[in-house]
Protein backbone atom coordinates (compact mmCIF):
# COMPACT_ATOMS: atom_id res chain seq x y z
CA MET A 1 59.85 200.00 39.22
CA ARG A 2 61.38 201.10 42.50
CA GLY A 3 63.71 204.06 42.33
CA PRO A 4 67.29 204.03 43.60
CA ALA A 5 66.17 205.53 46.91
CA LEU A 6 64.43 202.25 47.70
CA THR A 7 66.85 199.71 46.33
CA ARG A 8 68.59 199.18 49.67
CA SER A 9 66.46 198.09 52.56
CA ILE A 10 67.17 197.20 56.14
CA GLY A 11 65.33 193.94 55.46
CA ILE A 12 68.05 192.89 53.02
CA ALA A 13 70.71 193.58 55.61
CA ARG A 14 68.76 191.58 58.17
CA ASP A 15 68.70 188.55 55.87
CA ALA A 16 72.48 188.70 55.76
CA ALA A 17 72.62 188.91 59.54
CA LEU A 18 70.31 185.92 59.93
CA SER A 19 72.62 183.78 57.83
CA GLU A 20 75.32 184.28 60.44
CA ARG A 21 73.42 181.97 62.81
CA PRO A 22 72.32 178.94 60.74
CA ASP A 23 71.80 176.98 63.96
CA LEU A 24 69.00 179.32 65.00
CA ARG A 25 67.55 179.47 61.52
CA ARG A 26 67.03 175.69 61.57
CA GLY A 27 63.31 175.02 61.69
CA MET A 28 62.40 178.71 61.50
CA VAL A 29 58.99 179.04 59.85
CA ALA A 30 58.74 182.83 59.89
CA ALA A 31 60.46 185.95 61.21
CA TRP A 32 58.54 189.21 61.24
CA ILE A 33 60.49 192.45 61.64
CA PRO A 34 58.79 195.80 61.00
CA SER A 35 60.44 198.09 58.47
CA LEU A 36 59.70 200.91 56.08
CA SER A 37 58.78 200.21 52.50
CA TYR A 38 57.67 202.36 49.61
CA ARG A 39 54.09 201.59 50.68
CA GLY A 40 54.58 202.49 54.33
CA VAL A 41 54.95 199.87 57.09
CA SER A 42 56.10 196.43 55.97
CA PHE A 43 56.07 193.10 57.81
CA LYS A 44 57.93 190.90 55.38
CA ASP A 45 58.74 187.36 56.48
CA GLU A 46 62.53 187.56 56.60
CA THR A 47 62.95 183.77 56.22
CA GLY A 48 61.78 183.88 52.62
CA ASN A 49 58.85 181.55 53.39
CA ARG A 50 56.49 184.34 52.27
CA HIS A 51 54.38 184.64 55.40
CA ASP A 52 54.27 188.38 54.78
CA ALA A 53 51.64 190.33 56.71
CA ASN A 54 48.67 191.09 54.46
CA GLU A 55 46.23 192.83 56.81
CA MET A 56 47.03 196.20 58.37
CA SER A 57 44.13 197.13 60.63
CA ASN A 58 44.59 200.82 61.46
CA VAL A 59 48.38 200.38 61.39
CA ASP A 60 50.44 202.78 59.28
CA ILE A 61 53.65 204.77 59.43
CA SER A 62 52.33 206.81 62.36
CA ASN A 63 52.55 203.63 64.50
CA LEU A 64 56.32 203.32 64.06
CA VAL A 65 58.52 204.00 67.07
CA ILE A 66 62.20 203.46 67.74
CA SER A 67 63.16 200.67 70.11
CA ALA A 68 65.55 201.94 72.76
CA ASN A 69 66.21 198.33 73.76
CA PRO A 70 70.02 197.96 73.71
CA LEU A 71 69.63 194.26 72.85
CA ASN A 72 67.34 194.91 69.89
CA LYS A 73 67.80 198.35 68.39
CA GLY A 74 65.59 199.41 65.51
CA MET A 75 61.95 199.80 64.64
CA ALA A 76 58.93 198.75 66.61
CA VAL A 77 55.20 199.19 66.10
CA ARG A 78 52.96 200.72 68.74
CA TYR A 79 49.48 199.22 69.12
CA ASN A 80 46.74 201.17 70.91
CA GLY A 81 44.94 198.23 72.53
CA SER A 82 41.59 199.01 70.95
CA ASN A 83 41.56 198.53 67.17
CA GLU A 84 45.10 198.10 65.84
CA GLN A 85 46.52 194.79 64.66
CA VAL A 86 48.53 193.15 61.87
CA GLY A 87 47.24 189.94 60.28
CA ILE A 88 49.46 187.26 58.76
CA PRO A 89 48.43 184.51 56.29
CA VAL A 90 48.76 180.92 57.50
CA ASP A 91 49.96 179.74 54.09
CA GLY A 92 52.38 182.15 52.47
CA GLY A 93 52.54 180.15 49.26
CA ALA A 94 56.02 178.69 49.78
CA GLY A 95 54.69 175.37 51.10
CA ILE A 96 55.83 176.03 54.69
CA THR A 97 52.82 175.84 56.97
CA MET A 98 52.29 177.59 60.29
CA ASN A 99 50.16 174.67 61.48
CA VAL A 100 52.91 173.26 63.68
CA THR A 101 52.15 171.24 66.81
CA VAL A 102 55.70 171.16 68.17
CA GLY A 103 57.63 174.40 68.08
CA THR A 104 58.54 177.77 69.54
CA VAL A 105 56.98 181.21 69.28
CA CYS A 106 58.50 184.39 70.69
CA ALA A 107 58.42 188.18 70.40
CA TRP A 108 60.03 191.33 71.77
CA VAL A 109 57.34 193.35 73.57
CA ARG A 110 57.12 196.41 75.79
CA THR A 111 54.08 197.66 77.72
CA ASP A 112 53.19 199.55 80.86
CA ALA A 113 49.42 199.09 80.59
CA PRO A 114 48.30 196.28 78.24
CA GLY A 115 44.66 196.59 79.29
CA ALA A 116 42.27 194.77 81.59
CA SER A 117 41.49 191.04 81.46
CA PHE A 118 42.81 189.12 78.43
CA ARG A 119 45.10 191.08 76.11
CA PHE A 120 47.07 189.22 73.45
CA PHE A 121 50.12 190.62 71.64
CA PHE A 122 50.70 187.58 69.42
CA GLY A 123 47.61 185.44 69.07
CA ARG A 124 46.12 182.84 66.81
CA THR A 125 42.73 181.37 67.71
CA GLN A 126 42.97 177.64 68.55
CA ASN A 127 46.76 177.86 68.47
CA TRP A 128 49.37 179.92 70.31
CA ASN A 129 48.03 182.94 72.18
CA LEU A 130 50.74 184.91 73.95
CA GLY A 131 49.57 187.84 76.00
CA PHE A 132 48.54 189.11 79.40
CA LEU A 133 45.76 188.41 81.86
CA ASP A 134 45.57 191.45 84.12
CA ASN A 135 49.28 192.11 83.41
CA ASP A 136 50.38 188.49 84.02
CA PHE A 137 52.24 187.13 80.96
CA GLY A 138 51.08 183.76 79.73
CA HIS A 139 49.37 181.70 77.07
CA TYR A 140 45.71 180.81 76.60
CA SER A 141 44.99 177.27 75.39
CA TRP A 142 41.76 176.60 73.51
CA GLY A 143 42.10 172.87 74.07
CA GLY A 144 40.56 172.96 77.54
CA GLU A 145 43.65 173.87 79.54
CA GLY A 146 42.71 177.57 79.70
CA TRP A 147 45.08 180.26 80.95
CA GLN A 148 48.68 179.18 81.48
CA SER A 149 50.39 181.69 83.76
CA SER A 150 54.08 182.56 83.85
CA GLY A 151 53.80 184.44 87.13
CA PHE A 152 55.61 187.39 85.51
CA ASP A 153 54.04 190.85 85.69
CA GLY A 154 54.84 192.49 82.37
CA ASN A 155 53.47 196.02 82.80
CA ASP A 156 56.80 197.59 83.75
CA GLY A 157 57.40 199.60 80.57
CA LEU A 158 60.56 197.62 79.75
CA TRP A 159 61.40 195.50 76.72
CA HIS A 160 61.07 191.75 77.30
CA LEU A 161 61.55 188.72 75.09
CA TYR A 162 58.48 186.54 75.68
CA ALA A 163 58.58 182.96 74.40
CA MET A 164 56.77 179.65 74.55
CA THR A 165 58.04 176.24 73.53
CA PHE A 166 55.17 173.84 72.92
CA SER A 167 54.17 170.24 72.31
CA SER A 168 50.47 170.23 71.54
CA GLY A 169 48.26 167.75 73.36
CA ILE A 170 50.88 166.60 75.87
CA ALA A 171 50.34 167.69 79.46
CA SER A 172 53.08 169.85 80.98
CA ALA A 173 55.22 169.51 77.83
CA SER A 174 55.22 173.23 77.03
CA ALA A 175 57.08 176.05 78.76
CA LEU A 176 56.98 179.83 79.09
CA TYR A 177 60.14 181.94 79.05
CA VAL A 178 60.88 185.58 79.84
CA ASP A 179 64.14 187.17 78.70
CA GLY A 180 65.66 183.80 77.92
CA GLU A 181 64.88 182.39 81.36
CA PHE A 182 62.44 179.59 82.15
CA ALA A 183 59.32 180.99 83.85
CA ALA A 184 56.72 178.21 84.06
CA THR A 185 55.60 174.83 82.74
CA ALA A 186 52.49 174.93 80.56
CA SER A 187 50.04 172.66 78.78
CA THR A 188 48.35 173.40 75.47
CA THR A 189 46.39 171.77 72.68
CA PHE A 190 46.34 173.24 69.17
CA THR A 191 43.84 172.69 66.36
CA VAL A 192 44.90 172.66 62.72
CA SER A 193 43.05 175.59 61.18
CA THR A 194 43.14 178.47 58.73
CA ASN A 195 42.94 181.06 61.51
CA LYS A 196 45.32 183.97 61.02
CA PRO A 197 47.99 184.91 63.55
CA TYR A 198 47.82 188.54 64.64
CA LEU A 199 50.40 190.90 66.07
CA GLY A 200 48.83 193.29 68.54
CA SER A 201 45.83 191.09 69.29
CA ARG A 202 44.12 187.73 69.00
CA SER A 203 41.69 188.85 66.32
CA THR A 204 39.65 191.02 68.72
CA GLN A 205 41.41 191.01 72.11
CA TYR A 206 43.79 193.90 71.56
CA CYS A 207 46.93 194.67 73.56
CA ALA A 208 48.32 198.16 74.17
CA CYS A 209 52.02 197.57 73.61
CA ASP A 210 55.07 198.01 71.40
CA ILE A 211 56.25 195.00 69.39
CA SER A 212 59.47 194.80 67.40
CA ASP A 213 60.35 191.29 66.22
CA ALA A 214 58.40 188.02 66.32
CA TRP A 215 59.37 184.50 65.27
CA LEU A 216 57.95 181.00 64.83
CA TRP A 217 59.90 177.73 64.67
CA ASN A 218 58.69 174.18 63.96
CA ARG A 219 60.94 172.82 66.69
CA LYS A 220 61.33 173.45 70.40
CA LEU A 221 64.29 175.70 71.04
CA SER A 222 66.47 174.83 74.00
CA LYS A 223 66.79 177.16 76.96
CA HIS A 224 70.33 177.92 75.79
CA GLU A 225 69.09 178.94 72.33
CA LEU A 226 66.43 181.20 73.85
CA ALA A 227 69.07 182.76 76.07
CA ASP A 228 71.22 183.35 72.98
CA ILE A 229 68.31 185.05 71.20
CA TYR A 230 67.75 187.29 74.20
CA ARG A 231 71.42 188.28 74.38
CA ASP A 232 72.19 188.45 70.68
CA SER A 233 69.06 189.66 68.89
CA ALA A 234 70.79 192.86 67.83
CA SER A 235 73.61 191.04 66.05
CA MET A 236 71.53 188.13 64.73
CA PHE A 237 68.35 189.69 63.47
CA ARG A 238 68.84 193.34 62.70
CA VAL A 239 71.41 195.93 61.77
CA ALA A 240 72.65 197.52 64.97
CA ARG A 241 73.23 201.15 64.11
CA PRO A 242 72.70 204.32 66.16
CA PHE A 243 69.38 206.03 65.59
CA ALA A 244 68.96 209.75 65.92
CA GLY A 245 65.67 211.11 67.19
CA PHE A 246 62.70 211.53 64.88
CA VAL A 247 63.33 214.23 62.29
CA PRO A 248 61.40 215.24 59.18
CA ALA A 249 62.73 213.13 56.32
CA ALA A 250 63.54 214.98 53.12
CA ALA A 251 60.68 214.97 50.60
CA ALA A 252 58.52 212.77 52.81
CA GLY A 253 58.03 214.61 56.09
CA LEU A 254 57.14 211.30 57.75
CA GLY A 255 59.33 211.56 60.83
CA ILE A 256 61.75 208.84 59.75
CA PRO A 257 64.82 208.73 62.03
CA LEU A 258 67.80 210.50 60.46
CA ALA A 259 70.14 207.50 60.59
CA MET A 260 67.55 205.26 58.95
CA TYR A 261 66.80 207.86 56.29
CA HIS A 262 70.52 208.16 55.56
CA TYR A 263 70.88 204.38 55.26
CA ARG A 264 67.86 203.85 53.04
CA HIS A 265 68.42 206.82 50.77
CA HIS A 266 72.17 207.30 50.64
CA GLY A 267 73.71 203.95 51.52
CA ALA A 268 75.34 202.82 54.75
């Protein structure tokens, strides 16, 4: 049984914040937000659809960093671009599948050197594959369309909200967005499969980057909704509270930020 020090979690508070925007929760299949748990790093699906991450490849509490993004304060996970990734089950057991052919996928990402050639930060073989090709943000389609470029160079060391709305199998019916703004038209074809989505890679093509939140919807969000997510992520999806620098947490010595330690162990 969890002790009182673990009964309050930032994840619980995030669920409450999500409920404040039911319009954006409509059609949401999964929402992954890194947090601390009694086992270390947790990637619980905040929608309740149980697509909780179940594969931590070389990712532990030492990967946690604090996002200085004023639009999205909180935790992020740093991936080294060589062997670190987080795997997510396609079927979480709640009957809500990730095999969607019309939808939206997006994530907050920061990098200044993702790596050479193809580097994916949120990838699923034969489905969505968001990442970089020699620093250019885009999507790789396995249906024959190949690399779909946004024309945006993402290696600037700043936080960006990268998104794609998609309609599988229909030419030029998908679109890439950066920071809530339309970037480019795209084409893609998905295949229904049991392939896992990965944060930090596409199974083997790793990206050196920081990732905070990632989401999947089974509908295409409008440009206005994506702009709202870019502007309001802090208020919609996480508790916006000031974070002190890394300090040794009492009894743990894990470098948990003081404000987060205070919240989790002593209440808000």
